[in-house]
Amino acid sequence: MSAAVITASASVLVAVLVFVLNQRAQVRQERRQARLARVNSQLRELYGPLNALVEVNERIWEALRGSGLPGKADRTPSHADVEWLRWRNQALQPVNLQMRDLIVNHADLLVEPDLPQPLRDFCAHVTSLEIVLAAESDGMHQVTLIGHPGTPFVTHVREAFLRLKRDQQRLLAEADHSRVAQAR
């Protein structure tokens, strides 16, 4: 083989190799951008607002407990304290409804493939409480069939939010690193 043929073959091989490596890098970049867009949507449309609302309700709940909230046995419809009913109806339940609606309306943005049990339990509780409130407005006393899931719900929302924030930061850092590498 002549030197010219070897040089030409090496040039073609290098060109093909550069092309393949550039294509792979572009595919990785596009996947990273798509993942970042998904995480941004999850945070903006579901987990960001949901986390903020959970934090609001948790703060109200802590303040109520610290202010001498009646015990669970004293919060039944027949023994309910007027102050408790006001907080439940005007503060906690409206936020619960917003959270339930976020979960239902943006279920496609869940981190998991299926509705996690704490979210399922929370949505069922909110709907169950709506029935109790309707009965109370009709002068009837009814007990909520499904209790608030409590800590598992709060923990699930907080952990999902933090996991997505970490993913977002990692993806943004990778994008910055990629831009710096391309600028060289």
N, C-alpha and C. Protein backbone atom coordinates (compact mmCIF):
# COMPACT_ATOMS: atom_id res chain seq x y z
N MET A 1 0.83 -1.17 0.00
CA MET A 1 0.00 0.00 0.00
C MET A 1 0.88 1.25 0.00
N SER A 2 0.43 2.20 -0.75
CA SER A 2 1.23 3.43 -0.84
C SER A 2 0.91 4.32 0.35
N ALA A 3 1.78 5.22 0.63
CA ALA A 3 1.62 6.16 1.74
C ALA A 3 0.39 7.02 1.53
N ALA A 4 0.09 7.37 0.29
CA ALA A 4 -1.07 8.20 -0.01
C ALA A 4 -2.36 7.47 0.35
N VAL A 5 -2.44 6.19 0.06
CA VAL A 5 -3.63 5.39 0.36
C VAL A 5 -3.79 5.25 1.87
N ILE A 6 -2.67 5.01 2.56
CA ILE A 6 -2.72 4.87 4.02
C ILE A 6 -3.16 6.20 4.64
N THR A 7 -2.61 7.30 4.16
CA THR A 7 -2.97 8.62 4.68
C THR A 7 -4.44 8.91 4.41
N ALA A 8 -4.90 8.60 3.22
CA ALA A 8 -6.30 8.82 2.88
C ALA A 8 -7.21 7.95 3.74
N SER A 9 -6.83 6.69 3.95
CA SER A 9 -7.63 5.78 4.78
C SER A 9 -7.66 6.26 6.22
N ALA A 10 -6.54 6.71 6.72
CA ALA A 10 -6.48 7.22 8.09
C ALA A 10 -7.32 8.47 8.23
N SER A 11 -7.30 9.33 7.22
CA SER A 11 -8.11 10.55 7.26
C SER A 11 -9.59 10.22 7.28
N VAL A 12 -10.01 9.27 6.47
CA VAL A 12 -11.41 8.84 6.43
C VAL A 12 -11.80 8.23 7.77
N LEU A 13 -10.93 7.38 8.31
CA LEU A 13 -11.20 6.73 9.59
C LEU A 13 -11.33 7.78 10.71
N VAL A 14 -10.45 8.76 10.73
CA VAL A 14 -10.53 9.82 11.73
C VAL A 14 -11.82 10.62 11.56
N ALA A 15 -12.17 10.94 10.32
CA ALA A 15 -13.39 11.70 10.07
C ALA A 15 -14.62 10.92 10.53
N VAL A 16 -14.66 9.63 10.26
CA VAL A 16 -15.79 8.79 10.69
C VAL A 16 -15.84 8.72 12.21
N LEU A 17 -14.69 8.55 12.83
CA LEU A 17 -14.62 8.48 14.29
C LEU A 17 -15.08 9.79 14.92
N VAL A 18 -14.65 10.92 14.40
CA VAL A 18 -15.08 12.23 14.90
C VAL A 18 -16.58 12.39 14.72
N PHE A 19 -17.10 11.98 13.57
CA PHE A 19 -18.54 12.07 13.31
C PHE A 19 -19.33 11.25 14.34
N VAL A 20 -18.91 10.00 14.55
CA VAL A 20 -19.60 9.11 15.49
C VAL A 20 -19.55 9.69 16.90
N LEU A 21 -18.39 10.16 17.32
CA LEU A 21 -18.26 10.73 18.66
C LEU A 21 -19.12 11.99 18.82
N ASN A 22 -19.18 12.82 17.79
CA ASN A 22 -20.03 14.02 17.84
C ASN A 22 -21.50 13.64 17.91
N GLN A 23 -21.90 12.63 17.15
CA GLN A 23 -23.29 12.17 17.18
C GLN A 23 -23.65 11.65 18.57
N ARG A 24 -22.77 10.86 19.15
CA ARG A 24 -23.04 10.32 20.50
C ARG A 24 -23.16 11.46 21.51
N ALA A 25 -22.27 12.44 21.40
CA ALA A 25 -22.31 13.58 22.32
C ALA A 25 -23.61 14.36 22.14
N GLN A 26 -24.02 14.52 20.90
CA GLN A 26 -25.27 15.26 20.64
C GLN A 26 -26.47 14.50 21.19
N VAL A 27 -26.50 13.19 21.02
CA VAL A 27 -27.61 12.38 21.56
C VAL A 27 -27.64 12.49 23.08
N ARG A 28 -26.47 12.41 23.73
CA ARG A 28 -26.41 12.55 25.19
C ARG A 28 -26.91 13.93 25.61
N GLN A 29 -26.52 14.95 24.89
CA GLN A 29 -26.94 16.31 25.19
C GLN A 29 -28.46 16.46 25.04
N GLU A 30 -29.01 15.90 23.97
CA GLU A 30 -30.47 15.97 23.76
C GLU A 30 -31.21 15.22 24.85
N ARG A 31 -30.70 14.07 25.26
CA ARG A 31 -31.34 13.32 26.35
C ARG A 31 -31.29 14.10 27.66
N ARG A 32 -30.15 14.73 27.92
CA ARG A 32 -30.00 15.53 29.13
C ARG A 32 -30.96 16.71 29.10
N GLN A 33 -31.11 17.35 27.96
CA GLN A 33 -32.04 18.48 27.83
C GLN A 33 -33.49 18.03 28.02
N ALA A 34 -33.82 16.87 27.46
CA ALA A 34 -35.18 16.34 27.62
C ALA A 34 -35.44 16.00 29.09
N ARG A 35 -34.46 15.40 29.74
CA ARG A 35 -34.61 15.06 31.16
C ARG A 35 -34.76 16.33 32.00
N LEU A 36 -33.95 17.35 31.68
CA LEU A 36 -34.03 18.61 32.41
C LEU A 36 -35.40 19.27 32.20
N ALA A 37 -35.92 19.22 30.99
CA ALA A 37 -37.25 19.80 30.72
C ALA A 37 -38.32 19.06 31.53
N ARG A 38 -38.21 17.74 31.63
CA ARG A 38 -39.17 16.94 32.40
C ARG A 38 -39.08 17.29 33.89
N VAL A 39 -37.87 17.34 34.42
CA VAL A 39 -37.68 17.67 35.84
C VAL A 39 -38.20 19.08 36.12
N ASN A 40 -37.91 20.02 35.24
CA ASN A 40 -38.42 21.38 35.42
C ASN A 40 -39.94 21.41 35.46
N SER A 41 -40.58 20.64 34.59
CA SER A 41 -42.06 20.56 34.59
C SER A 41 -42.57 19.94 35.88
N GLN A 42 -41.92 18.86 36.31
CA GLN A 42 -42.34 18.21 37.55
C GLN A 42 -42.25 19.18 38.73
N LEU A 43 -41.19 19.96 38.77
CA LEU A 43 -41.03 20.91 39.87
C LEU A 43 -41.99 22.09 39.76
N ARG A 44 -42.13 22.62 38.57
CA ARG A 44 -42.95 23.82 38.37
C ARG A 44 -44.44 23.53 38.52
N GLU A 45 -44.89 22.40 37.99
CA GLU A 45 -46.33 22.15 37.91
C GLU A 45 -46.88 21.25 39.00
N LEU A 46 -46.02 20.44 39.64
CA LEU A 46 -46.53 19.52 40.66
C LEU A 46 -45.78 19.62 41.98
N TYR A 47 -44.54 19.18 41.99
CA TYR A 47 -43.85 19.03 43.27
C TYR A 47 -43.47 20.35 43.94
N GLY A 48 -43.20 21.40 43.18
CA GLY A 48 -42.91 22.70 43.80
C GLY A 48 -44.12 23.24 44.54
N PRO A 49 -45.26 23.41 43.83
CA PRO A 49 -46.46 23.89 44.53
C PRO A 49 -46.92 22.92 45.63
N LEU A 50 -46.85 21.62 45.37
CA LEU A 50 -47.29 20.64 46.36
C LEU A 50 -46.44 20.73 47.62
N ASN A 51 -45.14 20.84 47.45
CA ASN A 51 -44.24 20.96 48.60
C ASN A 51 -44.53 22.24 49.38
N ALA A 52 -44.73 23.35 48.68
CA ALA A 52 -45.03 24.61 49.36
C ALA A 52 -46.33 24.51 50.16
N LEU A 53 -47.35 23.90 49.57
CA LEU A 53 -48.63 23.75 50.27
C LEU A 53 -48.51 22.80 51.47
N VAL A 54 -47.73 21.74 51.31
CA VAL A 54 -47.50 20.83 52.45
C VAL A 54 -46.83 21.60 53.58
N GLU A 55 -45.84 22.41 53.24
CA GLU A 55 -45.15 23.18 54.28
C GLU A 55 -46.10 24.17 54.96
N VAL A 56 -46.99 24.79 54.20
CA VAL A 56 -47.98 25.70 54.79
C VAL A 56 -48.87 24.94 55.77
N ASN A 57 -49.43 23.82 55.32
CA ASN A 57 -50.32 23.05 56.20
C ASN A 57 -49.57 22.52 57.42
N GLU A 58 -48.34 22.09 57.24
CA GLU A 58 -47.57 21.58 58.37
C GLU A 58 -47.31 22.69 59.39
N ARG A 59 -47.02 23.88 58.91
CA ARG A 59 -46.78 25.02 59.82
C ARG A 59 -48.05 25.35 60.58
N ILE A 60 -49.19 25.38 59.89
CA ILE A 60 -50.47 25.65 60.56
C ILE A 60 -50.75 24.55 61.58
N TRP A 61 -50.54 23.31 61.19
CA TRP A 61 -50.81 22.17 62.07
C TRP A 61 -49.96 22.25 63.34
N GLU A 62 -48.67 22.56 63.18
CA GLU A 62 -47.78 22.70 64.34
C GLU A 62 -48.26 23.82 65.26
N ALA A 63 -48.65 24.95 64.67
CA ALA A 63 -49.13 26.08 65.47
C ALA A 63 -50.41 25.70 66.21
N LEU A 64 -51.29 24.99 65.54
CA LEU A 64 -52.54 24.57 66.19
C LEU A 64 -52.26 23.62 67.36
N ARG A 65 -51.36 22.68 67.15
CA ARG A 65 -51.02 21.76 68.25
C ARG A 65 -50.40 22.51 69.41
N GLY A 66 -49.56 23.51 69.11
CA GLY A 66 -48.92 24.30 70.15
C GLY A 66 -49.88 25.23 70.88
N SER A 67 -51.01 25.51 70.26
CA SER A 67 -51.97 26.44 70.88
C SER A 67 -53.05 25.73 71.68
N GLY A 68 -52.89 24.44 71.89
CA GLY A 68 -53.88 23.71 72.67
C GLY A 68 -55.00 23.13 71.83
N LEU A 69 -54.68 22.70 70.63
CA LEU A 69 -55.66 22.04 69.76
C LEU A 69 -56.35 20.93 70.54
N PRO A 70 -57.66 20.84 70.44
CA PRO A 70 -58.35 19.74 71.14
C PRO A 70 -57.81 18.39 70.66
N GLY A 71 -57.77 17.43 71.58
CA GLY A 71 -57.33 16.08 71.23
C GLY A 71 -58.22 15.48 70.16
N LYS A 72 -57.72 14.43 69.52
CA LYS A 72 -58.46 13.81 68.42
C LYS A 72 -59.88 13.42 68.85
N ALA A 73 -60.01 12.90 70.05
CA ALA A 73 -61.34 12.47 70.53
C ALA A 73 -62.29 13.67 70.65
N ASP A 74 -61.72 14.85 70.90
CA ASP A 74 -62.55 16.04 71.05
C ASP A 74 -62.76 16.79 69.74
N ARG A 75 -62.28 16.21 68.65
CA ARG A 75 -62.47 16.86 67.35
C ARG A 75 -63.53 16.12 66.52
N THR A 76 -64.31 15.29 67.15
CA THR A 76 -65.40 14.63 66.44
C THR A 76 -66.50 15.65 66.20
N PRO A 77 -67.31 15.44 65.18
CA PRO A 77 -68.35 16.43 64.87
C PRO A 77 -69.26 16.78 66.04
N SER A 78 -69.57 15.82 66.89
CA SER A 78 -70.49 16.11 67.99
C SER A 78 -69.82 16.86 69.13
N HIS A 79 -68.49 16.78 69.23
CA HIS A 79 -67.78 17.46 70.31
C HIS A 79 -66.83 18.55 69.80
N ALA A 80 -66.88 18.83 68.53
CA ALA A 80 -65.88 19.71 67.93
C ALA A 80 -65.91 21.12 68.51
N ASP A 81 -64.73 21.60 68.75
CA ASP A 81 -64.51 22.96 69.20
C ASP A 81 -64.71 23.89 68.00
N VAL A 82 -65.42 25.00 68.22
CA VAL A 82 -65.71 25.95 67.14
C VAL A 82 -64.42 26.46 66.51
N GLU A 83 -63.44 26.74 67.36
CA GLU A 83 -62.15 27.23 66.86
C GLU A 83 -61.49 26.20 65.94
N TRP A 84 -61.51 24.93 66.35
CA TRP A 84 -60.94 23.86 65.53
C TRP A 84 -61.66 23.78 64.18
N LEU A 85 -62.99 23.82 64.21
CA LEU A 85 -63.76 23.74 62.98
C LEU A 85 -63.41 24.88 62.03
N ARG A 86 -63.22 26.06 62.59
CA ARG A 86 -62.86 27.21 61.76
C ARG A 86 -61.51 26.97 61.07
N TRP A 87 -60.52 26.53 61.84
CA TRP A 87 -59.20 26.27 61.26
C TRP A 87 -59.26 25.14 60.23
N ARG A 88 -59.99 24.09 60.56
CA ARG A 88 -60.11 22.96 59.63
C ARG A 88 -60.77 23.41 58.33
N ASN A 89 -61.89 24.13 58.46
CA ASN A 89 -62.69 24.49 57.29
C ASN A 89 -62.11 25.63 56.47
N GLN A 90 -61.49 26.60 57.13
CA GLN A 90 -61.04 27.79 56.43
C GLN A 90 -59.55 27.79 56.08
N ALA A 91 -58.76 26.98 56.75
CA ALA A 91 -57.31 26.98 56.48
C ALA A 91 -56.84 25.63 55.95
N LEU A 92 -57.02 24.59 56.73
CA LEU A 92 -56.46 23.29 56.35
C LEU A 92 -57.14 22.67 55.13
N GLN A 93 -58.46 22.60 55.15
CA GLN A 93 -59.17 21.93 54.05
C GLN A 93 -58.99 22.64 52.71
N PRO A 94 -59.05 23.96 52.63
CA PRO A 94 -58.82 24.59 51.32
C PRO A 94 -57.44 24.25 50.74
N VAL A 95 -56.43 24.21 51.59
CA VAL A 95 -55.09 23.84 51.11
C VAL A 95 -55.07 22.36 50.73
N ASN A 96 -55.75 21.53 51.52
CA ASN A 96 -55.84 20.10 51.18
C ASN A 96 -56.47 19.91 49.80
N LEU A 97 -57.51 20.67 49.52
CA LEU A 97 -58.17 20.57 48.22
C LEU A 97 -57.22 20.97 47.09
N GLN A 98 -56.46 22.03 47.31
CA GLN A 98 -55.48 22.45 46.30
C GLN A 98 -54.45 21.34 46.06
N MET A 99 -53.98 20.73 47.16
CA MET A 99 -52.98 19.66 47.01
C MET A 99 -53.57 18.46 46.28
N ARG A 100 -54.77 18.07 46.66
CA ARG A 100 -55.41 16.94 45.99
C ARG A 100 -55.57 17.22 44.49
N ASP A 101 -56.03 18.43 44.17
CA ASP A 101 -56.22 18.78 42.77
C ASP A 101 -54.90 18.81 42.00
N LEU A 102 -53.84 19.27 42.63
CA LEU A 102 -52.52 19.23 41.99
C LEU A 102 -52.14 17.79 41.66
N ILE A 103 -52.31 16.91 42.63
CA ILE A 103 -51.94 15.51 42.44
C ILE A 103 -52.77 14.89 41.32
N VAL A 104 -54.06 15.10 41.35
CA VAL A 104 -54.95 14.50 40.35
C VAL A 104 -54.71 15.12 38.96
N ASN A 105 -54.60 16.43 38.91
CA ASN A 105 -54.46 17.10 37.61
C ASN A 105 -53.08 16.95 36.98
N HIS A 106 -52.10 16.63 37.78
CA HIS A 106 -50.73 16.49 37.25
C HIS A 106 -50.13 15.12 37.56
N ALA A 107 -50.98 14.12 37.60
CA ALA A 107 -50.50 12.76 37.90
C ALA A 107 -49.49 12.28 36.87
N ASP A 108 -49.54 12.83 35.67
CA ASP A 108 -48.56 12.45 34.65
C ASP A 108 -47.15 12.92 34.99
N LEU A 109 -47.02 13.81 35.96
CA LEU A 109 -45.70 14.33 36.36
C LEU A 109 -45.14 13.65 37.60
N LEU A 110 -45.84 12.64 38.09
CA LEU A 110 -45.35 11.92 39.26
C LEU A 110 -43.98 11.30 38.96
N VAL A 111 -43.15 11.22 39.99
CA VAL A 111 -41.84 10.59 39.85
C VAL A 111 -42.02 9.09 39.61
N GLU A 112 -42.97 8.50 40.30
CA GLU A 112 -43.21 7.06 40.22
C GLU A 112 -44.15 6.74 39.05
N PRO A 113 -44.11 5.50 38.59
CA PRO A 113 -45.01 5.12 37.48
C PRO A 113 -46.48 5.01 37.92
N ASP A 114 -46.71 4.73 39.20
CA ASP A 114 -48.07 4.62 39.74
C ASP A 114 -48.24 5.62 40.87
N LEU A 115 -49.49 5.92 41.21
CA LEU A 115 -49.77 6.82 42.31
C LEU A 115 -49.30 6.18 43.61
N PRO A 116 -48.32 6.78 44.28
CA PRO A 116 -47.80 6.19 45.52
C PRO A 116 -48.87 6.15 46.61
N GLN A 117 -48.76 5.18 47.49
CA GLN A 117 -49.75 4.97 48.54
C GLN A 117 -49.98 6.22 49.40
N PRO A 118 -48.94 6.95 49.84
CA PRO A 118 -49.22 8.14 50.65
C PRO A 118 -50.05 9.19 49.90
N LEU A 119 -49.82 9.34 48.61
CA LEU A 119 -50.60 10.30 47.83
C LEU A 119 -52.02 9.79 47.63
N ARG A 120 -52.15 8.51 47.40
CA ARG A 120 -53.47 7.89 47.24
C ARG A 120 -54.28 8.06 48.53
N ASP A 121 -53.63 7.78 49.66
CA ASP A 121 -54.31 7.92 50.96
C ASP A 121 -54.70 9.36 51.22
N PHE A 122 -53.83 10.30 50.87
CA PHE A 122 -54.13 11.71 51.09
C PHE A 122 -55.34 12.13 50.26
N CYS A 123 -55.34 11.79 48.98
CA CYS A 123 -56.48 12.16 48.11
C CYS A 123 -57.78 11.55 48.62
N ALA A 124 -57.72 10.31 49.07
CA ALA A 124 -58.91 9.65 49.61
C ALA A 124 -59.37 10.36 50.88
N HIS A 125 -58.43 10.76 51.72
CA HIS A 125 -58.79 11.47 52.96
C HIS A 125 -59.49 12.78 52.63
N VAL A 126 -58.95 13.55 51.70
CA VAL A 126 -59.53 14.85 51.36
C VAL A 126 -60.95 14.67 50.83
N THR A 127 -61.15 13.68 49.99
CA THR A 127 -62.49 13.41 49.46
C THR A 127 -63.43 12.95 50.57
N SER A 128 -62.92 12.12 51.46
CA SER A 128 -63.72 11.66 52.59
C SER A 128 -64.12 12.83 53.48
N LEU A 129 -63.20 13.77 53.69
CA LEU A 129 -63.50 14.93 54.51
C LEU A 129 -64.52 15.84 53.82
N GLU A 130 -64.52 15.88 52.51
CA GLU A 130 -65.54 16.66 51.80
C GLU A 130 -66.93 16.15 52.13
N ILE A 131 -67.08 14.83 52.23
CA ILE A 131 -68.37 14.24 52.58
C ILE A 131 -68.77 14.64 54.00
N VAL A 132 -67.79 14.62 54.92
CA VAL A 132 -68.06 15.03 56.30
C VAL A 132 -68.53 16.49 56.34
N LEU A 133 -67.86 17.34 55.60
CA LEU A 133 -68.23 18.77 55.58
C LEU A 133 -69.62 18.96 54.98
N ALA A 134 -69.93 18.21 53.95
CA ALA A 134 -71.27 18.30 53.35
C ALA A 134 -72.33 17.84 54.35
N ALA A 135 -72.05 16.77 55.08
CA ALA A 135 -73.00 16.28 56.10
C ALA A 135 -73.18 17.32 57.20
N GLU A 136 -72.07 17.94 57.62
CA GLU A 136 -72.16 18.97 58.66
C GLU A 136 -73.00 20.15 58.21
N SER A 137 -72.87 20.52 56.94
CA SER A 137 -73.67 21.65 56.45
C SER A 137 -75.16 21.30 56.41
N ASP A 138 -75.46 20.00 56.38
CA ASP A 138 -76.86 19.54 56.43
C ASP A 138 -77.30 19.25 57.86
N GLY A 139 -76.44 19.57 58.83
CA GLY A 139 -76.78 19.37 60.23
C GLY A 139 -76.54 17.96 60.73
N MET A 140 -75.88 17.14 59.95
CA MET A 140 -75.61 15.76 60.36
C MET A 140 -74.16 15.65 60.82
N HIS A 141 -73.90 14.72 61.69
CA HIS A 141 -72.53 14.50 62.19
C HIS A 141 -72.03 13.17 61.65
N GLN A 142 -70.90 13.24 61.02
CA GLN A 142 -70.33 12.05 60.41
C GLN A 142 -68.82 12.05 60.69
N VAL A 143 -68.26 10.89 60.79
CA VAL A 143 -66.82 10.74 61.02
C VAL A 143 -66.12 10.53 59.68
N THR A 144 -64.94 11.08 59.55
CA THR A 144 -64.16 10.88 58.33
C THR A 144 -63.80 9.41 58.21
N LEU A 145 -64.14 8.80 57.09
CA LEU A 145 -63.86 7.37 56.89
C LEU A 145 -62.38 7.08 56.73
N ILE A 146 -61.66 8.02 56.14
CA ILE A 146 -60.25 7.80 55.85
C ILE A 146 -59.46 8.93 56.49
N GLY A 147 -58.58 8.56 57.41
CA GLY A 147 -57.79 9.55 58.11
C GLY A 147 -56.66 10.10 57.25
N HIS A 148 -56.12 11.22 57.66
CA HIS A 148 -54.97 11.83 56.98
C HIS A 148 -53.78 10.89 57.13
N PRO A 149 -53.03 10.64 56.07
CA PRO A 149 -51.90 9.72 56.17
C PRO A 149 -50.74 10.24 57.01
N GLY A 150 -50.74 11.53 57.34
CA GLY A 150 -49.74 12.08 58.24
C GLY A 150 -48.33 12.08 57.69
N THR A 151 -47.41 11.61 58.53
CA THR A 151 -45.98 11.66 58.21
C THR A 151 -45.62 11.00 56.88
N PRO A 152 -46.16 9.84 56.54
CA PRO A 152 -45.78 9.24 55.24
C PRO A 152 -46.07 10.17 54.05
N PHE A 153 -47.17 10.90 54.10
CA PHE A 153 -47.50 11.83 53.03
C PHE A 153 -46.50 12.99 52.99
N VAL A 154 -46.29 13.61 54.13
CA VAL A 154 -45.38 14.75 54.21
C VAL A 154 -43.97 14.33 53.78
N THR A 155 -43.51 13.20 54.29
CA THR A 155 -42.18 12.70 53.95
C THR A 155 -42.06 12.41 52.46
N HIS A 156 -43.08 11.79 51.90
CA HIS A 156 -43.05 11.46 50.46
C HIS A 156 -42.92 12.73 49.62
N VAL A 157 -43.71 13.74 49.92
CA VAL A 157 -43.68 14.97 49.13
C VAL A 157 -42.33 15.66 49.29
N ARG A 158 -41.85 15.78 50.51
CA ARG A 158 -40.56 16.44 50.75
C ARG A 158 -39.42 15.71 50.04
N GLU A 159 -39.40 14.38 50.16
CA GLU A 159 -38.31 13.61 49.55
C GLU A 159 -38.36 13.67 48.02
N ALA A 160 -39.55 13.60 47.45
CA ALA A 160 -39.67 13.69 45.99
C ALA A 160 -39.22 15.07 45.51
N PHE A 161 -39.62 16.12 46.22
CA PHE A 161 -39.21 17.48 45.85
C PHE A 161 -37.69 17.61 45.91
N LEU A 162 -37.09 17.16 47.01
CA LEU A 162 -35.63 17.27 47.16
C LEU A 162 -34.89 16.44 46.11
N ARG A 163 -35.40 15.25 45.82
CA ARG A 163 -34.77 14.39 44.79
C ARG A 163 -34.80 15.09 43.43
N LEU A 164 -35.92 15.70 43.10
CA LEU A 164 -36.02 16.42 41.83
C LEU A 164 -35.13 17.65 41.81
N LYS A 165 -35.04 18.37 42.92
CA LYS A 165 -34.14 19.53 42.98
C LYS A 165 -32.69 19.10 42.79
N ARG A 166 -32.30 17.98 43.39
CA ARG A 166 -30.93 17.47 43.20
C ARG A 166 -30.71 17.09 41.74
N ASP A 167 -31.68 16.40 41.15
CA ASP A 167 -31.57 16.04 39.73
C ASP A 167 -31.44 17.28 38.87
N GLN A 168 -32.25 18.30 39.16
CA GLN A 168 -32.21 19.54 38.39
C GLN A 168 -30.82 20.18 38.49
N GLN A 169 -30.29 20.26 39.69
CA GLN A 169 -28.97 20.86 39.88
C GLN A 169 -27.89 20.07 39.15
N ARG A 170 -27.96 18.75 39.22
CA ARG A 170 -26.99 17.90 38.53
C ARG A 170 -27.08 18.10 37.03
N LEU A 171 -28.28 18.11 36.49
CA LEU A 171 -28.47 18.29 35.05
C LEU A 171 -28.00 19.67 34.59
N LEU A 172 -28.26 20.68 35.39
CA LEU A 172 -27.79 22.02 35.06
C LEU A 172 -26.26 22.09 35.09
N ALA A 173 -25.66 21.44 36.08
CA ALA A 173 -24.19 21.43 36.16
C ALA A 173 -23.59 20.69 34.97
N GLU A 174 -24.22 19.58 34.58
CA GLU A 174 -23.74 18.84 33.40
C GLU A 174 -23.86 19.68 32.14
N ALA A 175 -24.94 20.41 32.03
CA ALA A 175 -25.14 21.28 30.86
C ALA A 175 -24.09 22.37 30.83
N ASP A 176 -23.78 22.96 32.00
CA ASP A 176 -22.74 23.99 32.07
C ASP A 176 -21.39 23.41 31.71
N HIS A 177 -21.10 22.23 32.23
CA HIS A 177 -19.82 21.55 31.93
C HIS A 177 -19.70 21.27 30.44
N SER A 178 -20.80 20.84 29.85
CA SER A 178 -20.82 20.53 28.41
C SER A 178 -20.58 21.80 27.59
N ARG A 179 -21.21 22.91 28.00
CA ARG A 179 -21.02 24.18 27.27
C ARG A 179 -19.57 24.65 27.36
N VAL A 180 -18.98 24.52 28.53
CA VAL A 180 -17.58 24.93 28.72
C VAL A 180 -16.67 24.07 27.86
N ALA A 181 -16.94 22.76 27.83
CA ALA A 181 -16.13 21.84 27.03
C ALA A 181 -16.25 22.17 25.54
N GLN A 182 -17.44 22.51 25.09
CA GLN A 182 -17.64 22.84 23.68
C GLN A 182 -17.00 24.16 23.30
N ALA A 183 -16.89 25.07 24.25
CA ALA A 183 -16.30 26.38 23.97
C ALA A 183 -14.78 26.30 23.80
N ARG A 184 -14.18 25.23 24.31
CA ARG A 184 -12.72 25.08 24.20
C ARG A 184 -12.29 24.76 22.83
